Amino acid sequence: MKPASGAPRRHLPTSPFKSPPPTPPAERFSVNDQVTHDRYGLGVVMSVEDEVAVFVDFGSRQERITTPFNKLYKL
């Protein structure tokens, strides 16, 4: 028996079951946005790299955070 893969299953249009909910759009950040991160705390966005990553100053450290921004929230 094969182990289950992590890929989502595709939904057939003829299926009697409801389709999965659409994924929410990725949050957009701009320079000087106040943000919070689950690990690093409060910070300020210093630069944005074409919707791929953001560079955030958390006071004691500066981090480059790539998409998806699962733990990064705009305040």
PDB file of N, CA and C in Angstrom:
ATOM      1  N   MET A   1       0.833  -1.166   0.000  1.00  0.00           N
ATOM      2  CA  MET A   1       0.000   0.000   0.000  1.00  0.00           C
ATOM      3  C   MET A   1       0.889   1.246   0.000  1.00  0.00           C
ATOM      4  N   LYS A   2       0.542   2.224  -0.834  1.00  0.00           N
ATOM      5  CA  LYS A   2       1.323   3.448  -0.950  1.00  0.00           C
ATOM      6  C   LYS A   2       0.904   4.450   0.123  1.00  0.00           C
ATOM      7  N   PRO A   3       1.858   5.187   0.680  1.00  0.00           N
ATOM      8  CA  PRO A   3       1.477   6.220   1.649  1.00  0.00           C
ATOM      9  C   PRO A   3       0.779   7.376   0.931  1.00  0.00           C
ATOM     10  N   ALA A   4      -0.071   8.058   1.652  1.00  0.00           N
ATOM     11  CA  ALA A   4      -0.804   9.188   1.077  1.00  0.00           C
ATOM     12  C   ALA A   4       0.151  10.338   0.782  1.00  0.00           C
ATOM     13  N   SER A   5      -0.032  10.965  -0.353  1.00  0.00           N
ATOM     14  CA  SER A   5       0.814  12.111  -0.689  1.00  0.00           C
ATOM     15  C   SER A   5       0.228  13.373  -0.067  1.00  0.00           C
ATOM     16  N   GLY A   6       1.026  14.409   0.030  1.00  0.00           N
ATOM     17  CA  GLY A   6       0.579  15.657   0.609  1.00  0.00           C
ATOM     18  C   GLY A   6      -0.169  16.538  -0.370  1.00  0.00           C
ATOM     19  N   ALA A   7      -0.249  16.114  -1.631  1.00  0.00           N
ATOM     20  CA  ALA A   7      -0.909  16.930  -2.643  1.00  0.00           C
ATOM     21  C   ALA A   7      -2.423  16.890  -2.450  1.00  0.00           C
ATOM     22  N   PRO A   8      -3.104  18.026  -2.649  1.00  0.00           N
ATOM     23  CA  PRO A   8      -4.559  18.029  -2.517  1.00  0.00           C
ATOM     24  C   PRO A   8      -5.208  17.245  -3.658  1.00  0.00           C
ATOM     25  N   ARG A   9      -6.308  16.626  -3.350  1.00  0.00           N
ATOM     26  CA  ARG A   9      -7.020  15.860  -4.375  1.00  0.00           C
ATOM     27  C   ARG A   9      -7.803  16.808  -5.268  1.00  0.00           C
ATOM     28  N   ARG A  10      -7.893  16.471  -6.537  1.00  0.00           N
ATOM     29  CA  ARG A  10      -8.646  17.319  -7.444  1.00  0.00           C
ATOM     30  C   ARG A  10     -10.127  16.994  -7.316  1.00  0.00           C
ATOM     31  N   HIS A  11     -10.946  17.978  -7.562  1.00  0.00           N
ATOM     32  CA  HIS A  11     -12.392  17.830  -7.447  1.00  0.00           C
ATOM     33  C   HIS A  11     -12.974  17.634  -8.839  1.00  0.00           C
ATOM     34  N   LEU A  12     -13.713  16.573  -9.025  1.00  0.00           N
ATOM     35  CA  LEU A  12     -14.358  16.322 -10.307  1.00  0.00           C
ATOM     36  C   LEU A  12     -15.660  17.112 -10.386  1.00  0.00           C
ATOM     37  N   PRO A  13     -15.949  17.742 -11.523  1.00  0.00           N
ATOM     38  CA  PRO A  13     -17.172  18.531 -11.638  1.00  0.00           C
ATOM     39  C   PRO A  13     -18.442  17.699 -11.514  1.00  0.00           C
ATOM     40  N   THR A  14     -18.363  16.409 -11.758  1.00  0.00           N
ATOM     41  CA  THR A  14     -19.547  15.552 -11.664  1.00  0.00           C
ATOM     42  C   THR A  14     -19.719  14.954 -10.277  1.00  0.00           C
ATOM     43  N   SER A  15     -18.884  15.310  -9.331  1.00  0.00           N
ATOM     44  CA  SER A  15     -18.940  14.767  -7.984  1.00  0.00           C
ATOM     45  C   SER A  15     -20.174  15.280  -7.244  1.00  0.00           C
ATOM     46  N   PRO A  16     -20.844  14.406  -6.465  1.00  0.00           N
ATOM     47  CA  PRO A  16     -22.008  14.859  -5.703  1.00  0.00           C
ATOM     48  C   PRO A  16     -21.611  15.635  -4.440  1.00  0.00           C
ATOM     49  N   PHE A  17     -20.348  15.636  -4.084  1.00  0.00           N
ATOM     50  CA  PHE A  17     -19.886  16.319  -2.883  1.00  0.00           C
ATOM     51  C   PHE A  17     -19.534  17.771  -3.201  1.00  0.00           C
ATOM     52  N   LYS A  18     -19.556  18.606  -2.171  1.00  0.00           N
ATOM     53  CA  LYS A  18     -19.223  20.022  -2.359  1.00  0.00           C
ATOM     54  C   LYS A  18     -17.750  20.163  -2.709  1.00  0.00           C
ATOM     55  N   SER A  19     -17.466  21.156  -3.530  1.00  0.00           N
ATOM     56  CA  SER A  19     -16.077  21.417  -3.876  1.00  0.00           C
ATOM     57  C   SER A  19     -15.383  22.067  -2.681  1.00  0.00           C
ATOM     58  N   PRO A  20     -14.072  21.917  -2.587  1.00  0.00           N
ATOM     59  CA  PRO A  20     -13.365  22.522  -1.469  1.00  0.00           C
ATOM     60  C   PRO A  20     -13.419  24.044  -1.583  1.00  0.00           C
ATOM     61  N   PRO A  21     -13.340  24.733  -0.448  1.00  0.00           N
ATOM     62  CA  PRO A  21     -13.402  26.203  -0.517  1.00  0.00           C
ATOM     63  C   PRO A  21     -12.174  26.748  -1.232  1.00  0.00           C
ATOM     64  N   PRO A  22     -12.322  27.853  -1.954  1.00  0.00           N
ATOM     65  CA  PRO A  22     -11.167  28.419  -2.659  1.00  0.00           C
ATOM     66  C   PRO A  22     -10.141  28.938  -1.660  1.00  0.00           C
ATOM     67  N   THR A  23      -8.881  28.887  -2.049  1.00  0.00           N
ATOM     68  CA  THR A  23      -7.833  29.373  -1.165  1.00  0.00           C
ATOM     69  C   THR A  23      -7.900  30.899  -1.116  1.00  0.00           C
ATOM     70  N   PRO A  24      -7.738  31.465   0.061  1.00  0.00           N
ATOM     71  CA  PRO A  24      -7.791  32.924   0.159  1.00  0.00           C
ATOM     72  C   PRO A  24      -6.567  33.541  -0.516  1.00  0.00           C
ATOM     73  N   PRO A  25      -6.707  34.739  -1.049  1.00  0.00           N
ATOM     74  CA  PRO A  25      -5.559  35.379  -1.708  1.00  0.00           C
ATOM     75  C   PRO A  25      -4.474  35.696  -0.685  1.00  0.00           C
ATOM     76  N   ALA A  26      -3.235  35.673  -1.152  1.00  0.00           N
ATOM     77  CA  ALA A  26      -2.118  35.974  -0.262  1.00  0.00           C
ATOM     78  C   ALA A  26      -2.191  37.423   0.187  1.00  0.00           C
ATOM     79  N   GLU A  27      -1.857  37.655   1.445  1.00  0.00           N
ATOM     80  CA  GLU A  27      -1.903  39.016   1.972  1.00  0.00           C
ATOM     81  C   GLU A  27      -0.796  39.847   1.338  1.00  0.00           C
ATOM     82  N   ARG A  28      -1.126  41.094   1.023  1.00  0.00           N
ATOM     83  CA  ARG A  28      -0.158  41.991   0.405  1.00  0.00           C
ATOM     84  C   ARG A  28       0.381  42.941   1.469  1.00  0.00           C
ATOM     85  N   PHE A  29       1.691  43.078   1.475  1.00  0.00           N
ATOM     86  CA  PHE A  29       2.347  43.969   2.415  1.00  0.00           C
ATOM     87  C   PHE A  29       3.017  45.094   1.649  1.00  0.00           C
ATOM     88  N   SER A  30       3.126  46.240   2.284  1.00  0.00           N
ATOM     89  CA  SER A  30       3.840  47.363   1.686  1.00  0.00           C
ATOM     90  C   SER A  30       4.837  47.900   2.712  1.00  0.00           C
ATOM     91  N   VAL A  31       5.751  48.741   2.238  1.00  0.00           N
ATOM     92  CA  VAL A  31       6.799  49.285   3.095  1.00  0.00           C
ATOM     93  C   VAL A  31       6.163  50.100   4.222  1.00  0.00           C
ATOM     94  N   ASN A  32       6.724  49.987   5.413  1.00  0.00           N
ATOM     95  CA  ASN A  32       6.290  50.657   6.651  1.00  0.00           C
ATOM     96  C   ASN A  32       5.010  50.094   7.244  1.00  0.00           C
ATOM     97  N   ASP A  33       4.533  48.926   6.787  1.00  0.00           N
ATOM     98  CA  ASP A  33       3.391  48.264   7.422  1.00  0.00           C
ATOM     99  C   ASP A  33       3.824  47.701   8.773  1.00  0.00           C
ATOM    100  N   GLN A  34       2.984  47.876   9.790  1.00  0.00           N
ATOM    101  CA  GLN A  34       3.212  47.258  11.088  1.00  0.00           C
ATOM    102  C   GLN A  34       2.721  45.825  10.996  1.00  0.00           C
ATOM    103  N   VAL A  35       3.552  44.848  11.395  1.00  0.00           N
ATOM    104  CA  VAL A  35       3.193  43.438  11.303  1.00  0.00           C
ATOM    105  C   VAL A  35       3.532  42.735  12.612  1.00  0.00           C
ATOM    106  N   THR A  36       2.978  41.557  12.765  1.00  0.00           N
ATOM    107  CA  THR A  36       3.337  40.690  13.876  1.00  0.00           C
ATOM    108  C   THR A  36       3.593  39.294  13.322  1.00  0.00           C
ATOM    109  N   HIS A  37       4.548  38.590  13.926  1.00  0.00           N
ATOM    110  CA  HIS A  37       4.924  37.243  13.510  1.00  0.00           C
ATOM    111  C   HIS A  37       4.849  36.349  14.733  1.00  0.00           C
ATOM    112  N   ASP A  38       4.392  35.113  14.543  1.00  0.00           N
ATOM    113  CA  ASP A  38       4.217  34.193  15.662  1.00  0.00           C
ATOM    114  C   ASP A  38       5.529  33.906  16.397  1.00  0.00           C
ATOM    115  N   ARG A  39       6.648  33.913  15.711  1.00  0.00           N
ATOM    116  CA  ARG A  39       7.932  33.596  16.328  1.00  0.00           C
ATOM    117  C   ARG A  39       8.722  34.844  16.725  1.00  0.00           C
ATOM    118  N   TYR A  40       8.741  35.870  15.856  1.00  0.00           N
ATOM    119  CA  TYR A  40       9.622  37.015  16.063  1.00  0.00           C
ATOM    120  C   TYR A  40       8.949  38.199  16.747  1.00  0.00           C
ATOM    121  N   GLY A  41       7.626  38.261  16.781  1.00  0.00           N
ATOM    122  CA  GLY A  41       6.935  39.349  17.459  1.00  0.00           C
ATOM    123  C   GLY A  41       6.577  40.491  16.529  1.00  0.00           C
ATOM    124  N   LEU A  42       6.575  41.722  17.092  1.00  0.00           N
ATOM    125  CA  LEU A  42       6.180  42.915  16.342  1.00  0.00           C
ATOM    126  C   LEU A  42       7.315  43.404  15.462  1.00  0.00           C
ATOM    127  N   GLY A  43       6.956  43.936  14.288  1.00  0.00           N
ATOM    128  CA  GLY A  43       7.971  44.440  13.386  1.00  0.00           C
ATOM    129  C   GLY A  43       7.402  45.407  12.371  1.00  0.00           C
ATOM    130  N   VAL A  44       8.301  45.932  11.533  1.00  0.00           N
ATOM    131  CA  VAL A  44       7.948  46.878  10.476  1.00  0.00           C
ATOM    132  C   VAL A  44       8.535  46.367   9.170  1.00  0.00           C
ATOM    133  N   VAL A  45       7.725  46.366   8.107  1.00  0.00           N
ATOM    134  CA  VAL A  45       8.183  45.910   6.796  1.00  0.00           C
ATOM    135  C   VAL A  45       9.169  46.932   6.241  1.00  0.00           C
ATOM    136  N   MET A  46      10.374  46.462   5.890  1.00  0.00           N
ATOM    137  CA  MET A  46      11.408  47.345   5.349  1.00  0.00           C
ATOM    138  C   MET A  46      11.401  47.358   3.827  1.00  0.00           C
ATOM    139  N   SER A  47      11.161  46.175   3.194  1.00  0.00           N
ATOM    140  CA  SER A  47      11.088  46.109   1.734  1.00  0.00           C
ATOM    141  C   SER A  47      10.253  44.908   1.318  1.00  0.00           C
ATOM    142  N   VAL A  48       9.736  44.982   0.087  1.00  0.00           N
ATOM    143  CA  VAL A  48       8.910  43.919  -0.478  1.00  0.00           C
ATOM    144  C   VAL A  48       9.561  43.464  -1.775  1.00  0.00           C
ATOM    145  N   GLU A  49       9.693  42.152  -1.965  1.00  0.00           N
ATOM    146  CA  GLU A  49      10.340  41.590  -3.149  1.00  0.00           C
ATOM    147  C   GLU A  49       9.316  40.934  -4.072  1.00  0.00           C
ATOM    148  N   ASP A  50       8.635  41.710  -4.892  1.00  0.00           N
ATOM    149  CA  ASP A  50       7.730  41.218  -5.950  1.00  0.00           C
ATOM    150  C   ASP A  50       6.793  40.098  -5.497  1.00  0.00           C
ATOM    151  N   GLU A  51       6.096  40.301  -4.392  1.00  0.00           N
ATOM    152  CA  GLU A  51       5.115  39.319  -3.895  1.00  0.00           C
ATOM    153  C   GLU A  51       5.737  37.969  -3.541  1.00  0.00           C
ATOM    154  N   VAL A  52       7.064  37.899  -3.470  1.00  0.00           N
ATOM    155  CA  VAL A  52       7.752  36.636  -3.169  1.00  0.00           C
ATOM    156  C   VAL A  52       8.208  36.604  -1.721  1.00  0.00           C
ATOM    157  N   ALA A  53       8.685  37.726  -1.226  1.00  0.00           N
ATOM    158  CA  ALA A  53       9.201  37.786   0.139  1.00  0.00           C
ATOM    159  C   ALA A  53       9.102  39.209   0.664  1.00  0.00           C
ATOM    160  N   VAL A  54       9.165  39.330   1.983  1.00  0.00           N
ATOM    161  CA  VAL A  54       9.229  40.638   2.627  1.00  0.00           C
ATOM    162  C   VAL A  54      10.405  40.636   3.593  1.00  0.00           C
ATOM    163  N   PHE A  55      11.026  41.782   3.742  1.00  0.00           N
ATOM    164  CA  PHE A  55      12.138  41.952   4.662  1.00  0.00           C
ATOM    165  C   PHE A  55      11.612  42.779   5.823  1.00  0.00           C
ATOM    166  N   VAL A  56      11.629  42.193   7.046  1.00  0.00           N
ATOM    167  CA  VAL A  56      10.990  42.815   8.199  1.00  0.00           C
ATOM    168  C   VAL A  56      12.016  43.086   9.288  1.00  0.00           C
ATOM    169  N   ASP A  57      11.936  44.275   9.885  1.00  0.00           N
ATOM    170  CA  ASP A  57      12.785  44.650  11.014  1.00  0.00           C
ATOM    171  C   ASP A  57      11.996  44.408  12.295  1.00  0.00           C
ATOM    172  N   PHE A  58      12.457  43.465  13.114  1.00  0.00           N
ATOM    173  CA  PHE A  58      11.794  43.133  14.371  1.00  0.00           C
ATOM    174  C   PHE A  58      12.481  43.769  15.574  1.00  0.00           C
ATOM    175  N   GLY A  59      13.307  44.777  15.347  1.00  0.00           N
ATOM    176  CA  GLY A  59      13.995  45.448  16.438  1.00  0.00           C
ATOM    177  C   GLY A  59      15.334  44.796  16.732  1.00  0.00           C
ATOM    178  N   SER A  60      15.312  43.619  17.327  1.00  0.00           N
ATOM    179  CA  SER A  60      16.557  42.931  17.671  1.00  0.00           C
ATOM    180  C   SER A  60      17.140  42.154  16.497  1.00  0.00           C
ATOM    181  N   ARG A  61      16.341  41.923  15.476  1.00  0.00           N
ATOM    182  CA  ARG A  61      16.806  41.170  14.295  1.00  0.00           C
ATOM    183  C   ARG A  61      16.007  41.564  13.081  1.00  0.00           C
ATOM    184  N   GLN A  62      16.586  41.298  11.912  1.00  0.00           N
ATOM    185  CA  GLN A  62      15.907  41.542  10.645  1.00  0.00           C
ATOM    186  C   GLN A  62      15.778  40.202   9.933  1.00  0.00           C
ATOM    187  N   GLU A  63      14.592  39.907   9.425  1.00  0.00           N
ATOM    188  CA  GLU A  63      14.318  38.610   8.798  1.00  0.00           C
ATOM    189  C   GLU A  63      13.698  38.797   7.422  1.00  0.00           C
ATOM    190  N   ARG A  64      14.067  37.905   6.515  1.00  0.00           N
ATOM    191  CA  ARG A  64      13.436  37.819   5.190  1.00  0.00           C
ATOM    192  C   ARG A  64      12.432  36.681   5.271  1.00  0.00           C
ATOM    193  N   ILE A  65      11.168  36.981   5.069  1.00  0.00           N
ATOM    194  CA  ILE A  65      10.102  35.985   5.187  1.00  0.00           C
ATOM    195  C   ILE A  65       9.492  35.781   3.810  1.00  0.00           C
ATOM    196  N   THR A  66       9.480  34.520   3.361  1.00  0.00           N
ATOM    197  CA  THR A  66       8.981  34.203   2.022  1.00  0.00           C
ATOM    198  C   THR A  66       7.516  33.759   2.070  1.00  0.00           C
ATOM    199  N   THR A  67       6.879  33.765   0.900  1.00  0.00           N
ATOM    200  CA  THR A  67       5.487  33.307   0.807  1.00  0.00           C
ATOM    201  C   THR A  67       5.456  31.806   0.976  1.00  0.00           C
ATOM    202  N   PRO A  68       4.418  31.228   1.460  1.00  0.00           N
ATOM    203  CA  PRO A  68       3.217  31.855   1.993  1.00  0.00           C
ATOM    204  C   PRO A  68       3.491  32.462   3.366  1.00  0.00           C
ATOM    205  N   PHE A  69       2.859  33.575   3.650  1.00  0.00           N
ATOM    206  CA  PHE A  69       3.069  34.290   4.907  1.00  0.00           C
ATOM    207  C   PHE A  69       2.134  33.719   5.972  1.00  0.00           C
ATOM    208  N   ASN A  70       2.317  32.458   6.330  1.00  0.00           N
ATOM    209  CA  ASN A  70       1.409  31.790   7.262  1.00  0.00           C
ATOM    210  C   ASN A  70       1.417  32.402   8.655  1.00  0.00           C
ATOM    211  N   LYS A  71       2.562  32.838   9.131  1.00  0.00           N
ATOM    212  CA  LYS A  71       2.666  33.326  10.501  1.00  0.00           C
ATOM    213  C   LYS A  71       2.827  34.829  10.596  1.00  0.00           C
ATOM    214  N   LEU A  72       2.688  35.535   9.482  1.00  0.00           N
ATOM    215  CA  LEU A  72       2.883  36.971   9.453  1.00  0.00           C
ATOM    216  C   LEU A  72       1.534  37.654   9.220  1.00  0.00           C
ATOM    217  N   TYR A  73       1.193  38.596  10.112  1.00  0.00           N
ATOM    218  CA  TYR A  73      -0.110  39.257  10.044  1.00  0.00           C
ATOM    219  C   TYR A  73       0.066  40.760  10.077  1.00  0.00           C
ATOM    220  N   LYS A  74      -0.724  41.467   9.275  1.00  0.00           N
ATOM    221  CA  LYS A  74      -0.709  42.915   9.251  1.00  0.00           C
ATOM    222  C   LYS A  74      -1.548  43.444  10.404  1.00  0.00           C
ATOM    223  N   LEU A  75      -1.056  44.473  11.070  1.00  0.00           N
ATOM    224  CA  LEU A  75      -1.809  45.079  12.186  1.00  0.00           C
ATOM    225  C   LEU A  75      -2.618  46.272  11.720  1.00  0.00           C
TER     226      LEU A  75
END
